[in-house]
Amino acid sequence: MDRDLPRLRADAQDNRDRILVAARALFAENGLDVGMRAIARRAGVGPATLYRRFPTRDDLVREAFTEEMHECRQIVVDGVADDDPWRGFRTVVHRLLALNVRNRGFVDALTSAEPARDLLVGHRRELLGMLDGLVSRARAAGALRADFGLDDLVLILRAGRGLALAPEATRARDAARFARLAVDALRAPGPGREQPV
């Protein structure tokens, strides 16, 4: 917590924490289409309490996804730092899809093309800038198919979003399998290997 901000009373801090726990759980389970009243009910607080802590829905969404934004950024930073751009790219796809199945709402916010729901625009712009460099390196190394663009990565993440609807016991395994298939389709053709259609 920022030292310059006034500290909340214990009961107010408890309410804020419960609201965030409820919002994170509902966004992860159902995506961003969860209403504020449903979040207040899950948290066991009234709507007025929720809006006192989070005046707008956007404020709540941004705060709820703070941890995911840090994790997502670290995934990209780790991939970009890899000396082998193909290995770094593969790692990013695998780890982002694993994050994807754990939190539908975060992926909704991260991949949204709707201005009204473009809540993580600064975060996305930074990550796409880093990924663009990684993609360029992987293509230059002859490992990534030449026609791959960052929109294709967003497409893969959106397609992988459906995996969050799979039974919880199989989600991680399904995400890993989907990532392997996606990465294989993105590999540049080599000797004896045709370009995927």
N, C-alpha and C. Protein backbone atom coordinates (compact mmCIF):
# COMPACT_ATOMS: atom_id res chain seq x y z
N MET A 1 0.84 -1.19 0.00
CA MET A 1 0.00 0.00 0.00
C MET A 1 0.88 1.24 0.00
N ASP A 2 0.49 2.29 -0.72
CA ASP A 2 1.25 3.53 -0.81
C ASP A 2 1.22 4.24 0.53
N ARG A 3 2.38 4.67 1.02
CA ARG A 3 2.45 5.32 2.33
C ARG A 3 1.80 6.69 2.33
N ASP A 4 1.64 7.32 1.15
CA ASP A 4 1.03 8.64 1.09
C ASP A 4 -0.49 8.57 1.16
N LEU A 5 -1.08 7.38 0.94
CA LEU A 5 -2.52 7.23 0.97
C LEU A 5 -2.97 7.01 2.41
N PRO A 6 -4.15 7.58 2.78
CA PRO A 6 -4.63 7.35 4.14
C PRO A 6 -4.98 5.88 4.33
N ARG A 7 -4.71 5.36 5.49
CA ARG A 7 -5.02 3.96 5.78
C ARG A 7 -6.52 3.83 6.03
N LEU A 8 -7.10 2.77 5.54
CA LEU A 8 -8.51 2.50 5.76
C LEU A 8 -8.71 1.93 7.15
N ARG A 9 -9.90 2.20 7.73
CA ARG A 9 -10.25 1.54 8.98
C ARG A 9 -10.25 0.04 8.73
N ALA A 10 -10.11 -0.73 9.79
CA ALA A 10 -10.03 -2.19 9.65
C ALA A 10 -11.26 -2.75 8.94
N ASP A 11 -12.46 -2.28 9.28
CA ASP A 11 -13.67 -2.82 8.65
C ASP A 11 -13.76 -2.39 7.19
N ALA A 12 -13.32 -1.18 6.89
CA ALA A 12 -13.33 -0.72 5.49
C ALA A 12 -12.31 -1.50 4.66
N GLN A 13 -11.15 -1.77 5.24
CA GLN A 13 -10.14 -2.57 4.54
C GLN A 13 -10.64 -3.99 4.32
N ASP A 14 -11.33 -4.54 5.31
CA ASP A 14 -11.89 -5.88 5.17
C ASP A 14 -12.92 -5.93 4.04
N ASN A 15 -13.78 -4.91 3.97
CA ASN A 15 -14.76 -4.84 2.89
C ASN A 15 -14.08 -4.75 1.53
N ARG A 16 -13.06 -3.91 1.44
CA ARG A 16 -12.32 -3.75 0.18
C ARG A 16 -11.69 -5.07 -0.24
N ASP A 17 -11.07 -5.75 0.72
CA ASP A 17 -10.43 -7.03 0.40
C ASP A 17 -11.45 -8.07 -0.05
N ARG A 18 -12.59 -8.12 0.62
CA ARG A 18 -13.64 -9.09 0.24
C ARG A 18 -14.19 -8.79 -1.14
N ILE A 19 -14.34 -7.50 -1.46
CA ILE A 19 -14.82 -7.12 -2.80
C ILE A 19 -13.83 -7.59 -3.86
N LEU A 20 -12.55 -7.37 -3.62
CA LEU A 20 -11.53 -7.80 -4.59
C LEU A 20 -11.49 -9.31 -4.75
N VAL A 21 -11.60 -10.04 -3.65
CA VAL A 21 -11.61 -11.51 -3.72
C VAL A 21 -12.82 -11.97 -4.53
N ALA A 22 -13.98 -11.38 -4.26
CA ALA A 22 -15.20 -11.75 -4.99
C ALA A 22 -15.09 -11.40 -6.47
N ALA A 23 -14.59 -10.21 -6.77
CA ALA A 23 -14.45 -9.78 -8.17
C ALA A 23 -13.48 -10.69 -8.91
N ARG A 24 -12.34 -10.99 -8.29
CA ARG A 24 -11.36 -11.86 -8.95
C ARG A 24 -11.96 -13.23 -9.25
N ALA A 25 -12.67 -13.78 -8.28
CA ALA A 25 -13.27 -15.11 -8.47
C ALA A 25 -14.32 -15.09 -9.58
N LEU A 26 -15.20 -14.10 -9.56
CA LEU A 26 -16.27 -14.05 -10.56
C LEU A 26 -15.73 -13.72 -11.94
N PHE A 27 -14.77 -12.82 -12.04
CA PHE A 27 -14.17 -12.52 -13.36
C PHE A 27 -13.45 -13.75 -13.90
N ALA A 28 -12.73 -14.45 -13.03
CA ALA A 28 -12.00 -15.64 -13.47
C ALA A 28 -12.96 -16.71 -13.97
N GLU A 29 -14.07 -16.89 -13.27
CA GLU A 29 -15.05 -17.93 -13.63
C GLU A 29 -15.88 -17.57 -14.85
N ASN A 30 -16.31 -16.31 -14.93
CA ASN A 30 -17.35 -15.93 -15.90
C ASN A 30 -16.93 -14.89 -16.92
N GLY A 31 -15.73 -14.36 -16.84
CA GLY A 31 -15.34 -13.28 -17.74
C GLY A 31 -15.81 -11.94 -17.22
N LEU A 32 -15.72 -10.93 -18.06
CA LEU A 32 -16.01 -9.56 -17.63
C LEU A 32 -17.48 -9.21 -17.58
N ASP A 33 -18.36 -10.11 -18.00
CA ASP A 33 -19.78 -9.78 -18.06
C ASP A 33 -20.48 -9.88 -16.71
N VAL A 34 -19.73 -9.99 -15.64
CA VAL A 34 -20.30 -10.07 -14.29
C VAL A 34 -20.74 -8.68 -13.86
N GLY A 35 -21.94 -8.59 -13.30
CA GLY A 35 -22.45 -7.31 -12.82
C GLY A 35 -21.91 -6.92 -11.46
N MET A 36 -21.95 -5.63 -11.18
CA MET A 36 -21.45 -5.13 -9.90
C MET A 36 -22.28 -5.65 -8.73
N ARG A 37 -23.59 -5.81 -8.93
CA ARG A 37 -24.43 -6.34 -7.85
C ARG A 37 -24.05 -7.77 -7.50
N ALA A 38 -23.72 -8.57 -8.51
CA ALA A 38 -23.30 -9.95 -8.25
C ALA A 38 -22.00 -9.96 -7.44
N ILE A 39 -21.11 -9.04 -7.76
CA ILE A 39 -19.84 -8.95 -7.01
C ILE A 39 -20.12 -8.54 -5.57
N ALA A 40 -21.00 -7.55 -5.38
CA ALA A 40 -21.35 -7.11 -4.02
C ALA A 40 -21.97 -8.25 -3.23
N ARG A 41 -22.89 -9.00 -3.87
CA ARG A 41 -23.51 -10.15 -3.19
C ARG A 41 -22.47 -11.17 -2.77
N ARG A 42 -21.57 -11.53 -3.69
CA ARG A 42 -20.53 -12.54 -3.39
C ARG A 42 -19.65 -12.05 -2.25
N ALA A 43 -19.38 -10.73 -2.21
CA ALA A 43 -18.51 -10.18 -1.17
C ALA A 43 -19.23 -10.00 0.17
N GLY A 44 -20.56 -10.05 0.12
CA GLY A 44 -21.32 -9.86 1.35
C GLY A 44 -21.39 -8.41 1.78
N VAL A 45 -21.38 -7.50 0.80
CA VAL A 45 -21.50 -6.06 1.08
C VAL A 45 -22.62 -5.48 0.23
N GLY A 46 -23.06 -4.32 0.59
CA GLY A 46 -24.08 -3.63 -0.20
C GLY A 46 -23.44 -2.92 -1.39
N PRO A 47 -24.26 -2.61 -2.41
CA PRO A 47 -23.72 -1.89 -3.58
C PRO A 47 -23.07 -0.55 -3.20
N ALA A 48 -23.63 0.14 -2.21
CA ALA A 48 -23.06 1.44 -1.82
C ALA A 48 -21.64 1.27 -1.29
N THR A 49 -21.42 0.20 -0.54
CA THR A 49 -20.07 -0.08 -0.02
C THR A 49 -19.11 -0.37 -1.16
N LEU A 50 -19.59 -1.16 -2.13
CA LEU A 50 -18.73 -1.48 -3.28
C LEU A 50 -18.34 -0.20 -4.01
N TYR A 51 -19.33 0.67 -4.28
CA TYR A 51 -19.02 1.90 -5.04
C TYR A 51 -18.23 2.90 -4.22
N ARG A 52 -18.31 2.82 -2.91
CA ARG A 52 -17.48 3.71 -2.08
C ARG A 52 -16.01 3.32 -2.21
N ARG A 53 -15.74 2.01 -2.27
CA ARG A 53 -14.36 1.52 -2.41
C ARG A 53 -13.87 1.63 -3.85
N PHE A 54 -14.78 1.38 -4.83
CA PHE A 54 -14.44 1.39 -6.26
C PHE A 54 -15.50 2.19 -7.00
N PRO A 55 -15.27 3.50 -7.18
CA PRO A 55 -16.30 4.37 -7.77
C PRO A 55 -16.77 3.95 -9.16
N THR A 56 -15.90 3.34 -9.95
CA THR A 56 -16.32 2.89 -11.27
C THR A 56 -15.98 1.41 -11.45
N ARG A 57 -16.67 0.78 -12.37
CA ARG A 57 -16.41 -0.62 -12.68
C ARG A 57 -14.97 -0.79 -13.19
N ASP A 58 -14.52 0.18 -13.99
CA ASP A 58 -13.15 0.12 -14.52
C ASP A 58 -12.12 0.11 -13.39
N ASP A 59 -12.37 0.90 -12.34
CA ASP A 59 -11.46 0.92 -11.19
C ASP A 59 -11.35 -0.47 -10.58
N LEU A 60 -12.50 -1.13 -10.44
CA LEU A 60 -12.51 -2.47 -9.85
C LEU A 60 -11.81 -3.48 -10.75
N VAL A 61 -12.08 -3.41 -12.04
CA VAL A 61 -11.46 -4.35 -12.99
C VAL A 61 -9.95 -4.20 -12.97
N ARG A 62 -9.47 -2.97 -13.05
CA ARG A 62 -8.01 -2.76 -13.05
C ARG A 62 -7.37 -3.28 -11.76
N GLU A 63 -7.99 -2.97 -10.63
CA GLU A 63 -7.43 -3.42 -9.35
C GLU A 63 -7.48 -4.95 -9.23
N ALA A 64 -8.56 -5.54 -9.71
CA ALA A 64 -8.72 -7.00 -9.62
C ALA A 64 -7.66 -7.73 -10.43
N PHE A 65 -7.17 -7.11 -11.49
CA PHE A 65 -6.22 -7.78 -12.38
C PHE A 65 -4.77 -7.37 -12.15
N THR A 66 -4.48 -6.70 -11.06
CA THR A 66 -3.12 -6.25 -10.79
C THR A 66 -2.13 -7.42 -10.80
N GLU A 67 -2.47 -8.51 -10.11
CA GLU A 67 -1.55 -9.66 -10.04
C GLU A 67 -1.36 -10.29 -11.42
N GLU A 68 -2.47 -10.43 -12.17
CA GLU A 68 -2.38 -11.03 -13.50
C GLU A 68 -1.54 -10.17 -14.44
N MET A 69 -1.67 -8.83 -14.31
CA MET A 69 -0.86 -7.95 -15.16
C MET A 69 0.62 -8.14 -14.87
N HIS A 70 0.98 -8.26 -13.60
CA HIS A 70 2.39 -8.50 -13.25
C HIS A 70 2.85 -9.85 -13.79
N GLU A 71 2.02 -10.89 -13.62
CA GLU A 71 2.40 -12.22 -14.10
C GLU A 71 2.52 -12.23 -15.62
N CYS A 72 1.57 -11.60 -16.30
CA CYS A 72 1.60 -11.54 -17.77
C CYS A 72 2.85 -10.81 -18.25
N ARG A 73 3.16 -9.70 -17.61
CA ARG A 73 4.34 -8.95 -17.99
C ARG A 73 5.61 -9.78 -17.79
N GLN A 74 5.68 -10.52 -16.68
CA GLN A 74 6.86 -11.34 -16.41
C GLN A 74 7.01 -12.45 -17.44
N ILE A 75 5.89 -13.02 -17.88
CA ILE A 75 5.93 -14.05 -18.93
C ILE A 75 6.59 -13.48 -20.18
N VAL A 76 6.16 -12.29 -20.58
CA VAL A 76 6.70 -11.67 -21.80
C VAL A 76 8.16 -11.28 -21.60
N VAL A 77 8.48 -10.69 -20.46
CA VAL A 77 9.87 -10.29 -20.18
C VAL A 77 10.78 -11.51 -20.23
N ASP A 78 10.36 -12.62 -19.63
CA ASP A 78 11.18 -13.85 -19.64
C ASP A 78 11.37 -14.36 -21.07
N GLY A 79 10.29 -14.36 -21.85
CA GLY A 79 10.39 -14.84 -23.23
C GLY A 79 11.30 -13.98 -24.07
N VAL A 80 11.19 -12.67 -23.93
CA VAL A 80 12.02 -11.74 -24.69
C VAL A 80 13.49 -11.87 -24.29
N ALA A 81 13.76 -12.18 -23.02
CA ALA A 81 15.13 -12.27 -22.54
C ALA A 81 15.83 -13.55 -23.00
N ASP A 82 15.09 -14.53 -23.48
CA ASP A 82 15.70 -15.79 -23.91
C ASP A 82 16.59 -15.55 -25.12
N ASP A 83 17.80 -16.09 -25.09
CA ASP A 83 18.74 -15.93 -26.21
C ASP A 83 18.23 -16.61 -27.48
N ASP A 84 17.44 -17.66 -27.31
CA ASP A 84 16.86 -18.38 -28.45
C ASP A 84 15.46 -17.84 -28.68
N PRO A 85 15.25 -17.03 -29.73
CA PRO A 85 13.95 -16.38 -29.90
C PRO A 85 12.80 -17.37 -30.12
N TRP A 86 13.07 -18.50 -30.75
CA TRP A 86 12.00 -19.49 -30.96
C TRP A 86 11.59 -20.12 -29.63
N ARG A 87 12.57 -20.46 -28.81
CA ARG A 87 12.27 -21.01 -27.48
C ARG A 87 11.52 -19.98 -26.64
N GLY A 88 11.97 -18.71 -26.70
CA GLY A 88 11.29 -17.64 -25.96
C GLY A 88 9.85 -17.46 -26.41
N PHE A 89 9.64 -17.51 -27.73
CA PHE A 89 8.29 -17.37 -28.28
C PHE A 89 7.41 -18.54 -27.83
N ARG A 90 7.93 -19.77 -27.95
CA ARG A 90 7.17 -20.96 -27.54
C ARG A 90 6.78 -20.86 -26.06
N THR A 91 7.73 -20.43 -25.24
CA THR A 91 7.48 -20.31 -23.81
C THR A 91 6.37 -19.30 -23.54
N VAL A 92 6.41 -18.17 -24.24
CA VAL A 92 5.37 -17.14 -24.06
C VAL A 92 4.00 -17.72 -24.41
N VAL A 93 3.89 -18.40 -25.54
CA VAL A 93 2.59 -18.96 -25.94
C VAL A 93 2.10 -19.96 -24.90
N HIS A 94 2.96 -20.86 -24.46
CA HIS A 94 2.56 -21.87 -23.47
C HIS A 94 2.11 -21.22 -22.16
N ARG A 95 2.90 -20.27 -21.67
CA ARG A 95 2.58 -19.67 -20.37
C ARG A 95 1.37 -18.75 -20.44
N LEU A 96 1.20 -18.03 -21.55
CA LEU A 96 0.01 -17.17 -21.67
C LEU A 96 -1.26 -18.00 -21.76
N LEU A 97 -1.20 -19.12 -22.46
CA LEU A 97 -2.38 -19.98 -22.54
C LEU A 97 -2.69 -20.62 -21.18
N ALA A 98 -1.66 -20.93 -20.41
CA ALA A 98 -1.89 -21.45 -19.06
C ALA A 98 -2.56 -20.40 -18.18
N LEU A 99 -2.12 -19.15 -18.30
CA LEU A 99 -2.74 -18.04 -17.57
C LEU A 99 -4.18 -17.85 -18.06
N ASN A 100 -4.36 -18.00 -19.34
CA ASN A 100 -5.66 -17.85 -20.00
C ASN A 100 -6.73 -18.73 -19.37
N VAL A 101 -6.43 -19.99 -19.12
CA VAL A 101 -7.45 -20.90 -18.59
C VAL A 101 -7.73 -20.66 -17.12
N ARG A 102 -6.83 -19.97 -16.46
CA ARG A 102 -7.06 -19.66 -15.04
C ARG A 102 -7.93 -18.43 -14.84
N ASN A 103 -7.96 -17.53 -15.83
CA ASN A 103 -8.71 -16.30 -15.62
C ASN A 103 -9.31 -15.78 -16.92
N ARG A 104 -10.56 -16.13 -17.17
CA ARG A 104 -11.25 -15.71 -18.39
C ARG A 104 -11.38 -14.18 -18.47
N GLY A 105 -11.66 -13.55 -17.34
CA GLY A 105 -11.86 -12.10 -17.34
C GLY A 105 -10.62 -11.34 -17.74
N PHE A 106 -9.46 -11.80 -17.28
CA PHE A 106 -8.23 -11.12 -17.63
C PHE A 106 -7.98 -11.20 -19.13
N VAL A 107 -8.19 -12.37 -19.70
CA VAL A 107 -7.99 -12.51 -21.14
C VAL A 107 -9.01 -11.68 -21.91
N ASP A 108 -10.25 -11.61 -21.41
CA ASP A 108 -11.25 -10.73 -22.03
C ASP A 108 -10.73 -9.30 -22.08
N ALA A 109 -10.23 -8.83 -20.94
CA ALA A 109 -9.75 -7.45 -20.86
C ALA A 109 -8.50 -7.24 -21.71
N LEU A 110 -7.61 -8.21 -21.70
CA LEU A 110 -6.34 -8.07 -22.42
C LEU A 110 -6.52 -8.10 -23.93
N THR A 111 -7.44 -8.92 -24.42
CA THR A 111 -7.60 -9.09 -25.87
C THR A 111 -8.77 -8.31 -26.44
N SER A 112 -9.47 -7.55 -25.63
CA SER A 112 -10.65 -6.84 -26.11
C SER A 112 -10.32 -5.82 -27.18
N ALA A 113 -11.16 -5.79 -28.21
CA ALA A 113 -11.00 -4.78 -29.26
C ALA A 113 -12.06 -3.70 -29.11
N GLU A 114 -12.95 -3.86 -28.12
CA GLU A 114 -14.00 -2.88 -27.91
C GLU A 114 -13.47 -1.74 -27.05
N PRO A 115 -13.56 -0.49 -27.53
CA PRO A 115 -13.02 0.63 -26.75
C PRO A 115 -13.60 0.71 -25.35
N ALA A 116 -14.89 0.38 -25.20
CA ALA A 116 -15.52 0.49 -23.89
C ALA A 116 -14.94 -0.51 -22.90
N ARG A 117 -14.35 -1.60 -23.40
CA ARG A 117 -13.81 -2.61 -22.50
C ARG A 117 -12.29 -2.66 -22.59
N ASP A 118 -11.70 -1.66 -23.22
CA ASP A 118 -10.26 -1.64 -23.40
C ASP A 118 -9.61 -1.08 -22.14
N LEU A 119 -9.64 -1.88 -21.09
CA LEU A 119 -9.24 -1.41 -19.77
C LEU A 119 -7.75 -1.52 -19.52
N LEU A 120 -7.08 -2.33 -20.29
CA LEU A 120 -5.66 -2.58 -20.05
C LEU A 120 -4.82 -2.10 -21.23
N VAL A 121 -5.26 -1.02 -21.87
CA VAL A 121 -4.63 -0.59 -23.12
C VAL A 121 -3.15 -0.29 -22.95
N GLY A 122 -2.76 0.38 -21.89
CA GLY A 122 -1.34 0.69 -21.67
C GLY A 122 -0.52 -0.56 -21.46
N HIS A 123 -1.06 -1.46 -20.65
CA HIS A 123 -0.39 -2.74 -20.39
C HIS A 123 -0.23 -3.52 -21.69
N ARG A 124 -1.30 -3.61 -22.47
CA ARG A 124 -1.25 -4.37 -23.71
C ARG A 124 -0.27 -3.74 -24.70
N ARG A 125 -0.28 -2.42 -24.80
CA ARG A 125 0.62 -1.73 -25.74
C ARG A 125 2.08 -2.04 -25.41
N GLU A 126 2.42 -2.00 -24.12
CA GLU A 126 3.80 -2.29 -23.70
C GLU A 126 4.17 -3.73 -24.05
N LEU A 127 3.28 -4.68 -23.72
CA LEU A 127 3.60 -6.08 -23.97
C LEU A 127 3.68 -6.38 -25.46
N LEU A 128 2.78 -5.81 -26.24
CA LEU A 128 2.83 -6.05 -27.69
C LEU A 128 4.10 -5.48 -28.29
N GLY A 129 4.57 -4.36 -27.77
CA GLY A 129 5.83 -3.80 -28.25
C GLY A 129 6.99 -4.74 -27.99
N MET A 130 7.02 -5.33 -26.79
CA MET A 130 8.09 -6.29 -26.48
C MET A 130 7.96 -7.54 -27.34
N LEU A 131 6.73 -8.03 -27.48
CA LEU A 131 6.50 -9.24 -28.27
C LEU A 131 6.83 -9.03 -29.74
N ASP A 132 6.61 -7.83 -30.24
CA ASP A 132 6.92 -7.55 -31.64
C ASP A 132 8.41 -7.78 -31.91
N GLY A 133 9.24 -7.36 -30.97
CA GLY A 133 10.68 -7.59 -31.12
C GLY A 133 11.02 -9.07 -31.08
N LEU A 134 10.38 -9.82 -30.19
CA LEU A 134 10.63 -11.26 -30.09
C LEU A 134 10.19 -11.97 -31.38
N VAL A 135 9.03 -11.59 -31.88
CA VAL A 135 8.51 -12.18 -33.12
C VAL A 135 9.46 -11.89 -34.28
N SER A 136 9.94 -10.66 -34.37
CA SER A 136 10.88 -10.30 -35.44
C SER A 136 12.15 -11.14 -35.37
N ARG A 137 12.66 -11.34 -34.16
CA ARG A 137 13.86 -12.16 -33.99
C ARG A 137 13.61 -13.61 -34.38
N ALA A 138 12.44 -14.15 -33.99
CA ALA A 138 12.12 -15.55 -34.30
C ALA A 138 11.94 -15.74 -35.81
N ARG A 139 11.34 -14.75 -36.47
CA ARG A 139 11.20 -14.83 -37.94
C ARG A 139 12.57 -14.72 -38.60
N ALA A 140 13.41 -13.79 -38.12
CA ALA A 140 14.74 -13.61 -38.71
C ALA A 140 15.60 -14.85 -38.53
N ALA A 141 15.36 -15.59 -37.46
CA ALA A 141 16.12 -16.82 -37.22
C ALA A 141 15.59 -17.98 -38.08
N GLY A 142 14.51 -17.74 -38.80
CA GLY A 142 13.94 -18.77 -39.66
C GLY A 142 13.12 -19.80 -38.91
N ALA A 143 12.76 -19.49 -37.66
CA ALA A 143 12.01 -20.46 -36.85
C ALA A 143 10.50 -20.23 -36.90
N LEU A 144 10.08 -18.99 -37.02
CA LEU A 144 8.66 -18.64 -37.01
C LEU A 144 8.20 -18.34 -38.42
N ARG A 145 7.04 -18.84 -38.79
CA ARG A 145 6.54 -18.65 -40.15
C ARG A 145 6.50 -17.15 -40.49
N ALA A 146 6.81 -16.84 -41.71
CA ALA A 146 7.01 -15.46 -42.15
C ALA A 146 5.73 -14.63 -42.12
N ASP A 147 4.57 -15.28 -42.23
CA ASP A 147 3.32 -14.51 -42.28
C ASP A 147 2.69 -14.32 -40.91
N PHE A 148 3.39 -14.70 -39.85
CA PHE A 148 2.85 -14.54 -38.50
C PHE A 148 2.87 -13.08 -38.09
N GLY A 149 1.75 -12.61 -37.52
CA GLY A 149 1.67 -11.26 -36.97
C GLY A 149 1.13 -11.31 -35.55
N LEU A 150 1.25 -10.22 -34.83
CA LEU A 150 0.80 -10.20 -33.44
C LEU A 150 -0.71 -10.43 -33.33
N ASP A 151 -1.47 -10.04 -34.36
CA ASP A 151 -2.91 -10.32 -34.35
C ASP A 151 -3.16 -11.82 -34.27
N ASP A 152 -2.24 -12.61 -34.83
CA ASP A 152 -2.39 -14.06 -34.76
C ASP A 152 -2.23 -14.56 -33.32
N LEU A 153 -1.36 -13.92 -32.56
CA LEU A 153 -1.20 -14.30 -31.16
C LEU A 153 -2.47 -13.98 -30.38
N VAL A 154 -3.05 -12.81 -30.64
CA VAL A 154 -4.31 -12.45 -29.99
C VAL A 154 -5.39 -13.45 -30.37
N LEU A 155 -5.41 -13.87 -31.64
CA LEU A 155 -6.37 -14.87 -32.09
C LEU A 155 -6.20 -16.18 -31.33
N ILE A 156 -4.98 -16.61 -31.12
CA ILE A 156 -4.72 -17.84 -30.38
C ILE A 156 -5.21 -17.70 -28.94
N LEU A 157 -4.96 -16.55 -28.32
CA LEU A 157 -5.42 -16.35 -26.94
C LEU A 157 -6.93 -16.34 -26.86
N ARG A 158 -7.57 -15.70 -27.84
CA ARG A 158 -9.04 -15.70 -27.85
C ARG A 158 -9.59 -17.10 -28.05
N ALA A 159 -8.98 -17.86 -28.94
CA ALA A 159 -9.43 -19.24 -29.17
C ALA A 159 -9.23 -20.07 -27.91
N GLY A 160 -8.12 -19.85 -27.25
CA GLY A 160 -7.82 -20.59 -26.02
C GLY A 160 -8.73 -20.24 -24.87
N ARG A 161 -9.40 -19.11 -24.97
CA ARG A 161 -10.32 -18.68 -23.91
C ARG A 161 -11.39 -19.73 -23.66
N GLY A 162 -11.81 -20.42 -24.73
CA GLY A 162 -12.83 -21.46 -24.57
C GLY A 162 -12.39 -22.60 -23.68
N LEU A 163 -11.09 -22.78 -23.51
CA LEU A 163 -10.59 -23.85 -22.65
C LEU A 163 -10.99 -23.65 -21.19
N ALA A 164 -11.26 -22.42 -20.82
CA ALA A 164 -11.68 -22.14 -19.44
C ALA A 164 -13.02 -22.77 -19.13
N LEU A 165 -13.77 -23.16 -20.16
CA LEU A 165 -15.06 -23.81 -19.96
C LEU A 165 -14.93 -25.32 -19.77
N ALA A 166 -13.74 -25.85 -20.01
CA ALA A 166 -13.50 -27.29 -19.84
C ALA A 166 -13.56 -27.64 -18.36
N PRO A 167 -13.76 -28.92 -18.03
CA PRO A 167 -13.74 -29.31 -16.62
C PRO A 167 -12.42 -28.87 -15.97
N GLU A 168 -12.51 -28.40 -14.75
CA GLU A 168 -11.33 -27.86 -14.07
C GLU A 168 -10.18 -28.87 -14.02
N ALA A 169 -10.52 -30.15 -13.89
CA ALA A 169 -9.49 -31.18 -13.77
C ALA A 169 -8.64 -31.32 -15.04
N THR A 170 -9.18 -30.91 -16.19
CA THR A 170 -8.45 -31.09 -17.45
C THR A 170 -7.95 -29.79 -18.08
N ARG A 171 -8.27 -28.66 -17.48
CA ARG A 171 -7.94 -27.37 -18.10
C ARG A 171 -6.46 -27.18 -18.38
N ALA A 172 -5.62 -27.43 -17.39
CA ALA A 172 -4.18 -27.20 -17.57
C ALA A 172 -3.64 -28.12 -18.66
N ARG A 173 -4.07 -29.38 -18.64
CA ARG A 173 -3.60 -30.32 -19.66
C ARG A 173 -4.09 -29.91 -21.05
N ASP A 174 -5.36 -29.48 -21.13
CA ASP A 174 -5.91 -29.04 -22.41
C ASP A 174 -5.18 -27.80 -22.94
N ALA A 175 -4.85 -26.88 -22.03
CA ALA A 175 -4.14 -25.67 -22.44
C ALA A 175 -2.75 -26.01 -22.96
N ALA A 176 -2.07 -26.95 -22.31
CA ALA A 176 -0.74 -27.36 -22.76
C ALA A 176 -0.81 -28.01 -24.14
N ARG A 177 -1.82 -28.84 -24.36
CA ARG A 177 -1.99 -29.50 -25.66
C ARG A 177 -2.31 -28.47 -26.75
N PHE A 178 -3.20 -27.54 -26.45
CA PHE A 178 -3.55 -26.50 -27.41
C PHE A 178 -2.33 -25.66 -27.75
N ALA A 179 -1.52 -25.34 -26.73
CA ALA A 179 -0.30 -24.55 -26.96
C ALA A 179 0.66 -25.30 -27.88
N ARG A 180 0.83 -26.62 -27.65
CA ARG A 180 1.73 -27.40 -28.51
C ARG A 180 1.24 -27.39 -29.96
N LEU A 181 -0.07 -27.57 -30.15
CA LEU A 181 -0.63 -27.57 -31.50
C LEU A 181 -0.46 -26.20 -32.17
N ALA A 182 -0.72 -25.14 -31.40
CA ALA A 182 -0.60 -23.79 -31.95
C ALA A 182 0.84 -23.48 -32.33
N VAL A 183 1.77 -23.80 -31.45
CA VAL A 183 3.19 -23.53 -31.72
C VAL A 183 3.66 -24.32 -32.94
N ASP A 184 3.23 -25.57 -33.03
CA ASP A 184 3.62 -26.39 -34.18
C ASP A 184 3.11 -25.77 -35.49
N ALA A 185 1.90 -25.22 -35.46
CA ALA A 185 1.35 -24.59 -36.66
C ALA A 185 2.07 -23.31 -37.03
N LEU A 186 2.76 -22.70 -36.07
CA LEU A 186 3.44 -21.42 -36.32
C LEU A 186 4.90 -21.60 -36.71
N ARG A 187 5.42 -22.80 -36.61
CA ARG A 187 6.82 -23.05 -36.95
C ARG A 187 7.03 -22.84 -38.44
N ALA A 188 8.12 -22.21 -38.78
CA ALA A 188 8.44 -21.98 -40.19
C ALA A 188 8.70 -23.32 -40.87
N PRO A 189 8.37 -23.41 -42.16
CA PRO A 189 8.64 -24.66 -42.87
C PRO A 189 10.14 -24.87 -42.99
N GLY A 190 10.52 -26.11 -42.93
CA GLY A 190 11.93 -26.45 -43.08
C GLY A 190 12.05 -27.59 -44.06
N PRO A 191 13.23 -28.17 -44.18
CA PRO A 191 13.40 -29.29 -45.08
C PRO A 191 12.41 -30.41 -44.74
N GLY A 192 11.63 -30.81 -45.75
CA GLY A 192 10.66 -31.88 -45.55
C GLY A 192 9.43 -31.45 -44.77
N ARG A 193 9.30 -30.15 -44.51
CA ARG A 193 8.15 -29.66 -43.75
C ARG A 193 7.43 -28.61 -44.58
N GLU A 194 6.16 -28.85 -44.87
CA GLU A 194 5.39 -27.91 -45.67
C GLU A 194 4.85 -26.81 -44.78
N GLN A 195 4.66 -25.65 -45.39
CA GLN A 195 4.04 -24.52 -44.69
C GLN A 195 2.58 -24.88 -44.43
N PRO A 196 2.11 -24.72 -43.16
CA PRO A 196 0.70 -24.99 -42.89
C PRO A 196 -0.19 -24.10 -43.73
N VAL A 197 -1.33 -24.62 -44.16
CA VAL A 197 -2.29 -23.85 -44.97
C VAL A 197 -3.22 -23.12 -44.05
